[in-house]
Amino acid sequence: GDMIIQAQKIWKEKKNAGKPICAVFVADVSGSMDGEPLNKLRRSL
């Protein structure tokens, strides 16, 4: 398993070389998210 993980890491590094990810998280904070939904959203992030 360790060898597979290492191979995957090298493959990702080669695949994404020179191409960093740029991501925006878009969080819904409307009234319907109040309470547990928003709490779960916070924990997820």
Full PDB file with SEQRES, HELIX, SHEET, SSBOND, CRYST1, ORIGX, SCALE, CONECT and MASTER records, all heavy atoms in Angstrom:
SEQRES   1 A   45  GLY ASP MET ILE ILE GLN ALA GLN LYS ILE TRP LYS GLU          
SEQRES   2 A   45  LYS LYS ASN ALA GLY LYS PRO ILE CYS ALA VAL PHE VAL          
SEQRES   3 A   45  ALA ASP VAL SER GLY SER MET ASP GLY GLU PRO LEU ASN          
SEQRES   4 A   45  LYS LEU ARG ARG SER LEU                                      
HELIX    1 AA1 ASP A    2  LYS A   15  1                                  14    
HELIX    2 AA2 GLY A   31  MET A   33  5                                   3    
HELIX    3 AA3 GLU A   36  SER A   44  1                                   9    
CRYST1    1.000    1.000    1.000  90.00  90.00  90.00 P 1           1          
ORIGX1      1.000000  0.000000  0.000000        0.00000                         
ORIGX2      0.000000  1.000000  0.000000        0.00000                         
ORIGX3      0.000000  0.000000  1.000000        0.00000                         
SCALE1      1.000000  0.000000  0.000000        0.00000                         
SCALE2      0.000000  1.000000  0.000000        0.00000                         
SCALE3      0.000000  0.000000  1.000000        0.00000                         
ATOM      1  N   GLY A   1       0.816  -1.212   0.000  1.00  0.00           N  
ATOM      2  CA  GLY A   1       0.000   0.000   0.000  1.00  0.00           C  
ATOM      3  C   GLY A   1       0.845   1.256   0.000  1.00  0.00           C  
ATOM      4  O   GLY A   1       0.535   2.242  -0.671  1.00  0.00           O  
ATOM      5  N   ASP A   2       1.969   1.213   0.751  1.00  0.00           N  
ATOM      6  CA  ASP A   2       2.855   2.386   0.810  1.00  0.00           C  
ATOM      7  C   ASP A   2       3.420   2.715  -0.561  1.00  0.00           C  
ATOM      8  O   ASP A   2       3.569   3.886  -0.921  1.00  0.00           O  
ATOM      9  CB  ASP A   2       3.999   2.134   1.792  1.00  0.00           C  
ATOM     10  CG  ASP A   2       3.532   2.172   3.241  1.00  0.00           C  
ATOM     11  OD1 ASP A   2       2.426   2.691   3.486  1.00  0.00           O  
ATOM     12  OD2 ASP A   2       4.264   1.681   4.109  1.00  0.00           O  
ATOM     13  N   MET A   3       3.756   1.689  -1.331  1.00  0.00           N  
ATOM     14  CA  MET A   3       4.314   1.922  -2.663  1.00  0.00           C  
ATOM     15  C   MET A   3       3.272   2.555  -3.581  1.00  0.00           C  
ATOM     16  O   MET A   3       3.585   3.452  -4.373  1.00  0.00           O  
ATOM     17  CB  MET A   3       4.816   0.604  -3.256  1.00  0.00           C  
ATOM     18  CG  MET A   3       5.536   0.775  -4.601  1.00  0.00           C  
ATOM     19  SD  MET A   3       6.207  -0.781  -5.228  1.00  0.00           S  
ATOM     20  CE  MET A   3       7.466  -1.113  -3.986  1.00  0.00           C  
ATOM     21  N   ILE A   4       2.029   2.102  -3.465  1.00  0.00           N  
ATOM     22  CA  ILE A   4       0.952   2.665  -4.289  1.00  0.00           C  
ATOM     23  C   ILE A   4       0.738   4.135  -3.941  1.00  0.00           C  
ATOM     24  O   ILE A   4       0.595   4.991  -4.822  1.00  0.00           O  
ATOM     25  CB  ILE A   4      -0.349   1.856  -4.090  1.00  0.00           C  
ATOM     26  CG1 ILE A   4      -0.186   0.462  -4.685  1.00  0.00           C  
ATOM     27  CG2 ILE A   4      -1.533   2.584  -4.739  1.00  0.00           C  
ATOM     28  CD1 ILE A   4      -1.340  -0.465  -4.390  1.00  0.00           C  
ATOM     29  N   ILE A   5       0.734   4.440  -2.636  1.00  0.00           N  
ATOM     30  CA  ILE A   5       0.552   5.830  -2.202  1.00  0.00           C  
ATOM     31  C   ILE A   5       1.686   6.711  -2.714  1.00  0.00           C  
ATOM     32  O   ILE A   5       1.472   7.829  -3.184  1.00  0.00           O  
ATOM     33  CB  ILE A   5       0.462   5.894  -0.660  1.00  0.00           C  
ATOM     34  CG1 ILE A   5      -0.846   5.248  -0.189  1.00  0.00           C  
ATOM     35  CG2 ILE A   5       0.551   7.342  -0.176  1.00  0.00           C  
ATOM     36  CD1 ILE A   5      -0.942   5.070   1.313  1.00  0.00           C  
ATOM     37  N   GLN A   6       2.918   6.200  -2.632  1.00  0.00           N  
ATOM     38  CA  GLN A   6       4.069   6.971  -3.107  1.00  0.00           C  
ATOM     39  C   GLN A   6       3.988   7.198  -4.619  1.00  0.00           C  
ATOM     40  O   GLN A   6       4.280   8.294  -5.115  1.00  0.00           O  
ATOM     41  CB  GLN A   6       5.370   6.240  -2.754  1.00  0.00           C  
ATOM     42  CG  GLN A   6       6.633   7.012  -3.105  1.00  0.00           C  
ATOM     43  CD  GLN A   6       6.759   8.312  -2.326  1.00  0.00           C  
ATOM     44  OE1 GLN A   6       6.230   8.426  -1.230  1.00  0.00           O  
ATOM     45  NE2 GLN A   6       7.457   9.287  -2.886  1.00  0.00           N  
ATOM     46  N   ALA A   7       3.573   6.167  -5.356  1.00  0.00           N  
ATOM     47  CA  ALA A   7       3.439   6.297  -6.810  1.00  0.00           C  
ATOM     48  C   ALA A   7       2.367   7.319  -7.159  1.00  0.00           C  
ATOM     49  O   ALA A   7       2.526   8.127  -8.089  1.00  0.00           O  
ATOM     50  CB  ALA A   7       3.105   4.942  -7.428  1.00  0.00           C  
ATOM     51  N   GLN A   8       1.246   7.293  -6.398  1.00  0.00           N  
ATOM     52  CA  GLN A   8       0.178   8.255  -6.641  1.00  0.00           C  
ATOM     53  C   GLN A   8       0.664   9.675  -6.375  1.00  0.00           C  
ATOM     54  O   GLN A   8       0.354  10.608  -7.124  1.00  0.00           O  
ATOM     55  CB  GLN A   8      -1.024   7.943  -5.756  1.00  0.00           C  
ATOM     56  CG  GLN A   8      -2.211   8.874  -5.993  1.00  0.00           C  
ATOM     57  CD  GLN A   8      -3.315   8.663  -4.984  1.00  0.00           C  
ATOM     58  OE1 GLN A   8      -3.065   8.503  -3.799  1.00  0.00           O  
ATOM     59  NE2 GLN A   8      -4.553   8.661  -5.448  1.00  0.00           N  
ATOM     60  N   LYS A   9       1.456   9.857  -5.316  1.00  0.00           N  
ATOM     61  CA  LYS A   9       1.980  11.182  -4.979  1.00  0.00           C  
ATOM     62  C   LYS A   9       2.860  11.711  -6.103  1.00  0.00           C  
ATOM     63  O   LYS A   9       2.750  12.879  -6.512  1.00  0.00           O  
ATOM     64  CB  LYS A   9       2.754  11.108  -3.668  1.00  0.00           C  
ATOM     65  CG  LYS A   9       3.338  12.447  -3.226  1.00  0.00           C  
ATOM     66  CD  LYS A   9       4.083  12.305  -1.908  1.00  0.00           C  
ATOM     67  CE  LYS A   9       4.687  13.639  -1.483  1.00  0.00           C  
ATOM     68  NZ  LYS A   9       5.450  13.522  -0.217  1.00  0.00           N  
ATOM     69  N   ILE A  10       3.764  10.860  -6.609  1.00  0.00           N  
ATOM     70  CA  ILE A  10       4.650  11.285  -7.703  1.00  0.00           C  
ATOM     71  C   ILE A  10       3.842  11.608  -8.946  1.00  0.00           C  
ATOM     72  O   ILE A  10       4.094  12.608  -9.631  1.00  0.00           O  
ATOM     73  CB  ILE A  10       5.679  10.178  -8.004  1.00  0.00           C  
ATOM     74  CG1 ILE A  10       6.627  10.015  -6.809  1.00  0.00           C  
ATOM     75  CG2 ILE A  10       6.465  10.502  -9.274  1.00  0.00           C  
ATOM     76  CD1 ILE A  10       7.542   8.808  -6.913  1.00  0.00           C  
ATOM     77  N   TRP A  11       2.813  10.792  -9.242  1.00  0.00           N  
ATOM     78  CA  TRP A  11       1.974  11.037 -10.420  1.00  0.00           C  
ATOM     79  C   TRP A  11       1.260  12.373 -10.305  1.00  0.00           C  
ATOM     80  O   TRP A  11       1.201  13.139 -11.269  1.00  0.00           O  
ATOM     81  CB  TRP A  11       0.948   9.910 -10.556  1.00  0.00           C  
ATOM     82  CG  TRP A  11      -0.030  10.134 -11.662  1.00  0.00           C  
ATOM     83  CD1 TRP A  11       0.165   9.956 -12.998  1.00  0.00           C  
ATOM     84  CD2 TRP A  11      -1.385  10.595 -11.521  1.00  0.00           C  
ATOM     85  NE1 TRP A  11      -0.980  10.285 -13.691  1.00  0.00           N  
ATOM     86  CE2 TRP A  11      -1.933  10.677 -12.821  1.00  0.00           C  
ATOM     87  CE3 TRP A  11      -2.169  10.949 -10.427  1.00  0.00           C  
ATOM     88  CZ2 TRP A  11      -3.244  11.096 -13.039  1.00  0.00           C  
ATOM     89  CZ3 TRP A  11      -3.473  11.358 -10.651  1.00  0.00           C  
ATOM     90  CH2 TRP A  11      -3.992  11.428 -11.935  1.00  0.00           C  
ATOM     91  N   LYS A  12       0.729  12.676  -9.106  1.00  0.00           N  
ATOM     92  CA  LYS A  12       0.037  13.956  -8.914  1.00  0.00           C  
ATOM     93  C   LYS A  12       0.982  15.128  -9.092  1.00  0.00           C  
ATOM     94  O   LYS A  12       0.632  16.144  -9.683  1.00  0.00           O  
ATOM     95  CB  LYS A  12      -0.615  14.013  -7.526  1.00  0.00           C  
ATOM     96  CG  LYS A  12      -1.880  13.206  -7.411  1.00  0.00           C  
ATOM     97  CD  LYS A  12      -2.609  13.513  -6.122  1.00  0.00           C  
ATOM     98  CE  LYS A  12      -1.765  13.202  -4.929  1.00  0.00           C  
ATOM     99  NZ  LYS A  12      -2.439  13.518  -3.664  1.00  0.00           N  
ATOM    100  N   GLU A  13       2.204  14.986  -8.552  1.00  0.00           N  
ATOM    101  CA  GLU A  13       3.172  16.066  -8.670  1.00  0.00           C  
ATOM    102  C   GLU A  13       3.502  16.332 -10.132  1.00  0.00           C  
ATOM    103  O   GLU A  13       3.614  17.475 -10.571  1.00  0.00           O  
ATOM    104  CB  GLU A  13       4.430  15.728  -7.880  1.00  0.00           C  
ATOM    105  CG  GLU A  13       4.222  15.774  -6.372  1.00  0.00           C  
ATOM    106  CD  GLU A  13       5.421  15.257  -5.614  1.00  0.00           C  
ATOM    107  OE1 GLU A  13       6.355  14.728  -6.275  1.00  0.00           O  
ATOM    108  OE2 GLU A  13       5.433  15.359  -4.374  1.00  0.00           O  
ATOM    109  N   LYS A  14       3.675  15.270 -10.908  1.00  0.00           N  
ATOM    110  CA  LYS A  14       3.987  15.427 -12.329  1.00  0.00           C  
ATOM    111  C   LYS A  14       2.790  15.987 -13.084  1.00  0.00           C  
ATOM    112  O   LYS A  14       2.922  16.873 -13.931  1.00  0.00           O  
ATOM    113  CB  LYS A  14       4.389  14.082 -12.932  1.00  0.00           C  
ATOM    114  CG  LYS A  14       5.654  13.483 -12.345  1.00  0.00           C  
ATOM    115  CD  LYS A  14       6.891  14.296 -12.704  1.00  0.00           C  
ATOM    116  CE  LYS A  14       8.157  13.626 -12.212  1.00  0.00           C  
ATOM    117  NZ  LYS A  14       9.366  14.414 -12.499  1.00  0.00           N  
ATOM    118  N   LYS A  15       1.589  15.471 -12.771  1.00  0.00           N  
ATOM    119  CA  LYS A  15       0.376  15.895 -13.483  1.00  0.00           C  
ATOM    120  C   LYS A  15       0.090  17.365 -13.255  1.00  0.00           C  
ATOM    121  O   LYS A  15      -0.306  18.084 -14.172  1.00  0.00           O  
ATOM    122  CB  LYS A  15      -0.825  15.058 -13.010  1.00  0.00           C  
ATOM    123  CG  LYS A  15      -2.124  15.382 -13.744  1.00  0.00           C  
ATOM    124  CD  LYS A  15      -3.303  14.639 -13.142  1.00  0.00           C  
ATOM    125  CE  LYS A  15      -3.721  15.266 -11.844  1.00  0.00           C  
ATOM    126  NZ  LYS A  15      -5.098  14.968 -11.441  1.00  0.00           N  
ATOM    127  N   ASN A  16       0.294  17.836 -12.021  1.00  0.00           N  
ATOM    128  CA  ASN A  16      -0.075  19.206 -11.670  1.00  0.00           C  
ATOM    129  C   ASN A  16       1.106  20.172 -11.690  1.00  0.00           C  
ATOM    130  O   ASN A  16       0.966  21.307 -11.256  1.00  0.00           O  
ATOM    131  CB  ASN A  16      -0.722  19.225 -10.277  1.00  0.00           C  
ATOM    132  CG  ASN A  16      -2.086  18.559 -10.282  1.00  0.00           C  
ATOM    133  OD1 ASN A  16      -2.801  18.616 -11.275  1.00  0.00           O  
ATOM    134  ND2 ASN A  16      -2.428  17.918  -9.183  1.00  0.00           N  
ATOM    135  N   ALA A  17       2.255  19.701 -12.195  1.00  0.00           N  
ATOM    136  CA  ALA A  17       3.431  20.572 -12.225  1.00  0.00           C  
ATOM    137  C   ALA A  17       3.133  21.822 -13.035  1.00  0.00           C  
ATOM    138  O   ALA A  17       2.700  21.755 -14.187  1.00  0.00           O  
ATOM    139  CB  ALA A  17       4.604  19.813 -12.835  1.00  0.00           C  
ATOM    140  N   GLY A  18       3.365  22.981 -12.403  1.00  0.00           N  
ATOM    141  CA  GLY A  18       3.139  24.249 -13.102  1.00  0.00           C  
ATOM    142  C   GLY A  18       1.684  24.654 -13.188  1.00  0.00           C  
ATOM    143  O   GLY A  18       1.367  25.671 -13.783  1.00  0.00           O  
ATOM    144  N   LYS A  19       0.778  23.860 -12.590  1.00  0.00           N  
ATOM    145  CA  LYS A  19      -0.649  24.164 -12.659  1.00  0.00           C  
ATOM    146  C   LYS A  19      -1.268  24.120 -11.271  1.00  0.00           C  
ATOM    147  O   LYS A  19      -1.998  23.182 -10.922  1.00  0.00           O  
ATOM    148  CB  LYS A  19      -1.375  23.180 -13.581  1.00  0.00           C  
ATOM    149  CG  LYS A  19      -0.977  23.304 -15.045  1.00  0.00           C  
ATOM    150  CD  LYS A  19      -1.801  22.374 -15.903  1.00  0.00           C  
ATOM    151  CE  LYS A  19      -1.458  22.529 -17.374  1.00  0.00           C  
ATOM    152  NZ  LYS A  19      -2.281  21.635 -18.232  1.00  0.00           N  
ATOM    153  N   PRO A  20      -1.004  25.104 -10.435  1.00  0.00           N  
ATOM    154  CA  PRO A  20      -1.617  25.112  -9.102  1.00  0.00           C  
ATOM    155  C   PRO A  20      -3.130  25.269  -9.190  1.00  0.00           C  
ATOM    156  O   PRO A  20      -3.656  25.870 -10.123  1.00  0.00           O  
ATOM    157  CB  PRO A  20      -0.973  26.320  -8.426  1.00  0.00           C  
ATOM    158  CG  PRO A  20      -0.513  27.191  -9.548  1.00  0.00           C  
ATOM    159  CD  PRO A  20      -0.145  26.264 -10.667  1.00  0.00           C  
ATOM    160  N   ILE A  21      -3.817  24.715  -8.195  1.00  0.00           N  
ATOM    161  CA  ILE A  21      -5.266  24.831  -8.117  1.00  0.00           C  
ATOM    162  C   ILE A  21      -5.630  26.167  -7.493  1.00  0.00           C  
ATOM    163  O   ILE A  21      -5.007  26.621  -6.536  1.00  0.00           O  
ATOM    164  CB  ILE A  21      -5.859  23.699  -7.262  1.00  0.00           C  
ATOM    165  CG1 ILE A  21      -5.568  22.343  -7.900  1.00  0.00           C  
ATOM    166  CG2 ILE A  21      -7.365  23.878  -7.075  1.00  0.00           C  
ATOM    167  CD1 ILE A  21      -6.183  22.162  -9.265  1.00  0.00           C  
ATOM    168  N   CYS A  22      -6.636  26.796  -8.042  1.00  0.00           N  
ATOM    169  CA  CYS A  22      -7.174  28.041  -7.490  1.00  0.00           C  
ATOM    170  C   CYS A  22      -8.660  27.805  -7.219  1.00  0.00           C  
ATOM    171  O   CYS A  22      -9.448  27.651  -8.161  1.00  0.00           O  
ATOM    172  CB  CYS A  22      -6.968  29.175  -8.489  1.00  0.00           C  
ATOM    173  SG  CYS A  22      -7.409  30.805  -7.877  1.00  0.00           S  
ATOM    174  N   ALA A  23      -9.033  27.718  -5.952  1.00  0.00           N  
ATOM    175  CA  ALA A  23     -10.397  27.342  -5.584  1.00  0.00           C  
ATOM    176  C   ALA A  23     -11.057  28.417  -4.730  1.00  0.00           C  
ATOM    177  O   ALA A  23     -10.417  29.029  -3.874  1.00  0.00           O  
ATOM    178  CB  ALA A  23     -10.396  26.014  -4.827  1.00  0.00           C  
ATOM    179  N   VAL A  24     -12.354  28.622  -4.977  1.00  0.00           N  
ATOM    180  CA  VAL A  24     -13.158  29.503  -4.133  1.00  0.00           C  
ATOM    181  C   VAL A  24     -14.252  28.677  -3.470  1.00  0.00           C  
ATOM    182  O   VAL A  24     -14.997  27.955  -4.150  1.00  0.00           O  
ATOM    183  CB  VAL A  24     -13.787  30.650  -4.943  1.00  0.00           C  
ATOM    184  CG1 VAL A  24     -14.730  31.470  -4.062  1.00  0.00           C  
ATOM    185  CG2 VAL A  24     -12.706  31.552  -5.533  1.00  0.00           C  
ATOM    186  N   PHE A  25     -14.319  28.753  -2.146  1.00  0.00           N  
ATOM    187  CA  PHE A  25     -15.411  28.143  -1.403  1.00  0.00           C  
ATOM    188  C   PHE A  25     -16.538  29.166  -1.289  1.00  0.00           C  
ATOM    189  O   PHE A  25     -16.303  30.319  -0.906  1.00  0.00           O  
ATOM    190  CB  PHE A  25     -14.944  27.704  -0.017  1.00  0.00           C  
ATOM    191  CG  PHE A  25     -14.056  26.498  -0.046  1.00  0.00           C  
ATOM    192  CD1 PHE A  25     -12.680  26.630  -0.140  1.00  0.00           C  
ATOM    193  CD2 PHE A  25     -14.604  25.222  -0.006  1.00  0.00           C  
ATOM    194  CE1 PHE A  25     -11.858  25.516  -0.182  1.00  0.00           C  
ATOM    195  CE2 PHE A  25     -13.795  24.098  -0.048  1.00  0.00           C  
ATOM    196  CZ  PHE A  25     -12.417  24.241  -0.134  1.00  0.00           C  
ATOM    197  N   VAL A  26     -17.753  28.728  -1.626  1.00  0.00           N  
ATOM    198  CA  VAL A  26     -18.924  29.600  -1.675  1.00  0.00           C  
ATOM    199  C   VAL A  26     -19.917  29.103  -0.626  1.00  0.00           C  
ATOM    200  O   VAL A  26     -20.558  28.066  -0.809  1.00  0.00           O  
ATOM    201  CB  VAL A  26     -19.552  29.576  -3.087  1.00  0.00           C  
ATOM    202  CG1 VAL A  26     -20.773  30.483  -3.149  1.00  0.00           C  
ATOM    203  CG2 VAL A  26     -18.524  29.991  -4.142  1.00  0.00           C  
ATOM    204  N   ALA A  27     -20.025  29.817   0.484  1.00  0.00           N  
ATOM    205  CA  ALA A  27     -20.798  29.350   1.634  1.00  0.00           C  
ATOM    206  C   ALA A  27     -22.162  30.038   1.706  1.00  0.00           C  
ATOM    207  O   ALA A  27     -22.243  31.267   1.758  1.00  0.00           O  
ATOM    208  CB  ALA A  27     -20.026  29.590   2.922  1.00  0.00           C  
ATOM    209  N   ASP A  28     -23.207  29.250   1.738  1.00  0.00           N  
ATOM    210  CA  ASP A  28     -24.586  29.736   1.887  1.00  0.00           C  
ATOM    211  C   ASP A  28     -24.820  30.073   3.361  1.00  0.00           C  
ATOM    212  O   ASP A  28     -24.731  29.196   4.223  1.00  0.00           O  
ATOM    213  CB  ASP A  28     -25.539  28.636   1.423  1.00  0.00           C  
ATOM    214  CG  ASP A  28     -27.012  29.005   1.509  1.00  0.00           C  
ATOM    215  OD1 ASP A  28     -27.327  30.069   2.072  1.00  0.00           O  
ATOM    216  OD2 ASP A  28     -27.835  28.221   1.021  1.00  0.00           O  
ATOM    217  N   VAL A  29     -25.098  31.349   3.651  1.00  0.00           N  
ATOM    218  CA  VAL A  29     -25.392  31.762   5.026  1.00  0.00           C  
ATOM    219  C   VAL A  29     -26.789  32.387   5.103  1.00  0.00           C  
ATOM    220  O   VAL A  29     -27.050  33.269   5.920  1.00  0.00           O  
ATOM    221  CB  VAL A  29     -24.322  32.737   5.580  1.00  0.00           C  
ATOM    222  CG1 VAL A  29     -23.001  32.027   5.742  1.00  0.00           C  
ATOM    223  CG2 VAL A  29     -24.163  33.971   4.684  1.00  0.00           C  
ATOM    224  N   SER A  30     -27.697  31.920   4.255  1.00  0.00           N  
ATOM    225  CA  SER A  30     -29.076  32.399   4.289  1.00  0.00           C  
ATOM    226  C   SER A  30     -29.786  31.871   5.533  1.00  0.00           C  
ATOM    227  O   SER A  30     -29.277  30.991   6.239  1.00  0.00           O  
ATOM    228  CB  SER A  30     -29.816  31.945   3.027  1.00  0.00           C  
ATOM    229  OG  SER A  30     -29.845  30.534   2.947  1.00  0.00           O  
ATOM    230  N   GLY A  31     -30.971  32.412   5.803  1.00  0.00           N  
ATOM    231  CA  GLY A  31     -31.710  32.045   7.007  1.00  0.00           C  
ATOM    232  C   GLY A  31     -32.009  30.566   7.124  1.00  0.00           C  
ATOM    233  O   GLY A  31     -32.024  30.008   8.229  1.00  0.00           O  
ATOM    234  N   SER A  32     -32.216  29.892   5.977  1.00  0.00           N  
ATOM    235  CA  SER A  32     -32.536  28.463   6.015  1.00  0.00           C  
ATOM    236  C   SER A  32     -31.340  27.610   6.432  1.00  0.00           C  
ATOM    237  O   SER A  32     -31.506  26.427   6.735  1.00  0.00           O  
ATOM    238  CB  SER A  32     -33.047  28.002   4.640  1.00  0.00           C  
ATOM    239  OG  SER A  32     -32.084  28.248   3.631  1.00  0.00           O  
ATOM    240  N   MET A  33     -30.159  28.202   6.460  1.00  0.00           N  
ATOM    241  CA  MET A  33     -28.960  27.474   6.901  1.00  0.00           C  
ATOM    242  C   MET A  33     -28.714  27.632   8.397  1.00  0.00           C  
ATOM    243  O   MET A  33     -27.766  27.053   8.939  1.00  0.00           O  
ATOM    244  CB  MET A  33     -27.734  27.978   6.135  1.00  0.00           C  
ATOM    245  CG  MET A  33     -27.700  27.594   4.673  1.00  0.00           C  
ATOM    246  SD  MET A  33     -27.404  25.826   4.419  1.00  0.00           S  
ATOM    247  CE  MET A  33     -25.707  25.691   4.975  1.00  0.00           C  
ATOM    248  N   ASP A  34     -29.535  28.409   9.095  1.00  0.00           N  
ATOM    249  CA  ASP A  34     -29.311  28.686  10.513  1.00  0.00           C  
ATOM    250  C   ASP A  34     -29.358  27.396  11.326  1.00  0.00           C  
ATOM    251  O   ASP A  34     -30.127  26.481  11.042  1.00  0.00           O  
ATOM    252  CB  ASP A  34     -30.366  29.669  11.023  1.00  0.00           C  
ATOM    253  CG  ASP A  34     -29.984  30.267  12.370  1.00  0.00           C  
ATOM    254  OD1 ASP A  34     -28.780  30.315  12.670  1.00  0.00           O  
ATOM    255  OD2 ASP A  34     -30.887  30.678  13.119  1.00  0.00           O  
ATOM    256  N   GLY A  35     -28.531  27.334  12.354  1.00  0.00           N  
ATOM    257  CA  GLY A  35     -28.536  26.169  13.230  1.00  0.00           C  
ATOM    258  C   GLY A  35     -27.584  25.090  12.751  1.00  0.00           C  
ATOM    259  O   GLY A  35     -26.456  25.360  12.337  1.00  0.00           O  
ATOM    260  N   GLU A  36     -28.050  23.833  12.769  1.00  0.00           N  
ATOM    261  CA  GLU A  36     -27.184  22.699  12.482  1.00  0.00           C  
ATOM    262  C   GLU A  36     -26.597  22.702  11.072  1.00  0.00           C  
ATOM    263  O   GLU A  36     -25.423  22.350  10.898  1.00  0.00           O  
ATOM    264  CB  GLU A  36     -27.933  21.387  12.737  1.00  0.00           C  
ATOM    265  CG  GLU A  36     -27.057  20.147  12.626  1.00  0.00           C  
ATOM    266  CD  GLU A  36     -25.864  20.158  13.587  1.00  0.00           C  
ATOM    267  OE1 GLU A  36     -25.878  20.906  14.585  1.00  0.00           O  
ATOM    268  OE2 GLU A  36     -24.906  19.400  13.333  1.00  0.00           O  
ATOM    269  N   PRO A  37     -27.363  23.106  10.016  1.00  0.00           N  
ATOM    270  CA  PRO A  37     -26.731  23.133   8.684  1.00  0.00           C  
ATOM    271  C   PRO A  37     -25.484  24.008   8.635  1.00  0.00           C  
ATOM    272  O   PRO A  37     -24.453  23.594   8.093  1.00  0.00           O  
ATOM    273  CB  PRO A  37     -27.845  23.665   7.777  1.00  0.00           C  
ATOM    274  CG  PRO A  37     -29.108  23.246   8.447  1.00  0.00           C  
ATOM    275  CD  PRO A  37     -28.817  23.376   9.926  1.00  0.00           C  
ATOM    276  N   LEU A  38     -25.558  25.211   9.203  1.00  0.00           N  
ATOM    277  CA  LEU A  38     -24.398  26.098   9.183  1.00  0.00           C  
ATOM    278  C   LEU A  38     -23.281  25.562  10.080  1.00  0.00           C  
ATOM    279  O   LEU A  38     -22.092  25.676   9.745  1.00  0.00           O  
ATOM    280  CB  LEU A  38     -24.782  27.518   9.604  1.00  0.00           C  
ATOM    281  CG  LEU A  38     -23.658  28.560   9.512  1.00  0.00           C  
ATOM    282  CD1 LEU A  38     -23.079  28.637   8.110  1.00  0.00           C  
ATOM    283  CD2 LEU A  38     -24.176  29.934   9.950  1.00  0.00           C  
ATOM    284  N   ASN A  39     -23.653  24.959  11.203  1.00  0.00           N  
ATOM    285  CA  ASN A  39     -22.634  24.359  12.068  1.00  0.00           C  
ATOM    286  C   ASN A  39     -21.881  23.251  11.335  1.00  0.00           C  
ATOM    287  O   ASN A  39     -20.649  23.145  11.424  1.00  0.00           O  
ATOM    288  CB  ASN A  39     -23.276  23.787  13.340  1.00  0.00           C  
ATOM    289  CG  ASN A  39     -23.767  24.873  14.287  1.00  0.00           C  
ATOM    290  OD1 ASN A  39     -23.274  25.998  14.256  1.00  0.00           O  
ATOM    291  ND2 ASN A  39     -24.736  24.538  15.119  1.00  0.00           N  
ATOM    292  N   LYS A  40     -22.618  22.422  10.592  1.00  0.00           N  
ATOM    293  CA  LYS A  40     -21.987  21.348   9.831  1.00  0.00           C  
ATOM    294  C   LYS A  40     -21.127  21.915   8.710  1.00  0.00           C  
ATOM    295  O   LYS A  40     -20.045  21.396   8.417  1.00  0.00           O  
ATOM    296  CB  LYS A  40     -23.052  20.408   9.266  1.00  0.00           C  
ATOM    297  CG  LYS A  40     -23.751  19.571  10.313  1.00  0.00           C  
ATOM    298  CD  LYS A  40     -24.873  18.729   9.731  1.00  0.00           C  
ATOM    299  CE  LYS A  40     -24.368  17.624   8.854  1.00  0.00           C  
ATOM    300  NZ  LYS A  40     -25.472  16.744   8.378  1.00  0.00           N  
ATOM    301  N   LEU A  41     -21.585  22.987   8.073  1.00  0.00           N  
ATOM    302  CA  LEU A  41     -20.805  23.635   7.023  1.00  0.00           C  
ATOM    303  C   LEU A  41     -19.479  24.127   7.585  1.00  0.00           C  
ATOM    304  O   LEU A  41     -18.405  23.909   7.003  1.00  0.00           O  
ATOM    305  CB  LEU A  41     -21.608  24.784   6.418  1.00  0.00           C  
ATOM    306  CG  LEU A  41     -21.005  25.562   5.233  1.00  0.00           C  
ATOM    307  CD1 LEU A  41     -22.117  26.215   4.416  1.00  0.00           C  
ATOM    308  CD2 LEU A  41     -20.020  26.636   5.682  1.00  0.00           C  
ATOM    309  N   ARG A  42     -19.541  24.791   8.741  1.00  0.00           N  
ATOM    310  CA  ARG A  42     -18.302  25.286   9.364  1.00  0.00           C  
ATOM    311  C   ARG A  42     -17.344  24.140   9.653  1.00  0.00           C  
ATOM    312  O   ARG A  42     -16.143  24.220   9.380  1.00  0.00           O  
ATOM    313  CB  ARG A  42     -18.630  26.022  10.667  1.00  0.00           C  
ATOM    314  CG  ARG A  42     -19.322  27.361  10.521  1.00  0.00           C  
ATOM    315  CD  ARG A  42     -19.233  28.115  11.853  1.00  0.00           C  
ATOM    316  NE  ARG A  42     -20.188  29.208  11.933  1.00  0.00           N  
ATOM    317  CZ  ARG A  42     -21.363  29.136  12.542  1.00  0.00           C  
ATOM    318  NH1 ARG A  42     -21.737  28.014  13.139  1.00  0.00           N  
ATOM    319  NH2 ARG A  42     -22.164  30.178  12.577  1.00  0.00           N  
ATOM    320  N   ARG A  43     -17.872  23.049  10.224  1.00  0.00           N  
ATOM    321  CA  ARG A  43     -17.009  21.916  10.566  1.00  0.00           C  
ATOM    322  C   ARG A  43     -16.377  21.318   9.309  1.00  0.00           C  
ATOM    323  O   ARG A  43     -15.198  20.928   9.322  1.00  0.00           O  
ATOM    324  CB  ARG A  43     -17.815  20.840  11.310  1.00  0.00           C  
ATOM    325  CG  ARG A  43     -18.160  21.224  12.747  1.00  0.00           C  
ATOM    326  CD  ARG A  43     -18.569  20.006  13.561  1.00  0.00           C  
ATOM    327  NE  ARG A  43     -19.757  19.355  13.037  1.00  0.00           N  
ATOM    328  CZ  ARG A  43     -21.012  19.673  13.379  1.00  0.00           C  
ATOM    329  NH1 ARG A  43     -21.235  20.663  14.250  1.00  0.00           N  
ATOM    330  NH2 ARG A  43     -22.034  19.030  12.868  1.00  0.00           N  
ATOM    331  N   SER A  44     -17.148  21.248   8.234  1.00  0.00           N  
ATOM    332  CA  SER A  44     -16.625  20.701   6.983  1.00  0.00           C  
ATOM    333  C   SER A  44     -15.415  21.492   6.504  1.00  0.00           C  
ATOM    334  O   SER A  44     -14.394  20.923   6.097  1.00  0.00           O  
ATOM    335  CB  SER A  44     -17.699  20.729   5.890  1.00  0.00           C  
ATOM    336  OG  SER A  44     -18.798  19.930   6.219  1.00  0.00           O  
ATOM    337  N   LEU A  45     -15.516  22.820   6.546  1.00  0.00           N  
ATOM    338  CA  LEU A  45     -14.425  23.661   6.053  1.00  0.00           C  
ATOM    339  C   LEU A  45     -13.244  23.686   7.013  1.00  0.00           C  
ATOM    340  O   LEU A  45     -12.089  23.639   6.579  1.00  0.00           O  
ATOM    341  CB  LEU A  45     -14.934  25.083   5.799  1.00  0.00           C  
ATOM    342  CG  LEU A  45     -15.912  25.239   4.638  1.00  0.00           C  
ATOM    343  CD1 LEU A  45     -16.321  26.697   4.470  1.00  0.00           C  
ATOM    344  CD2 LEU A  45     -15.296  24.716   3.339  1.00  0.00           C  
TER     345      LEU A  45                                                      
MASTER        0    0    0    3    0    0    0    6  344    1    0    4          
END                                                                             
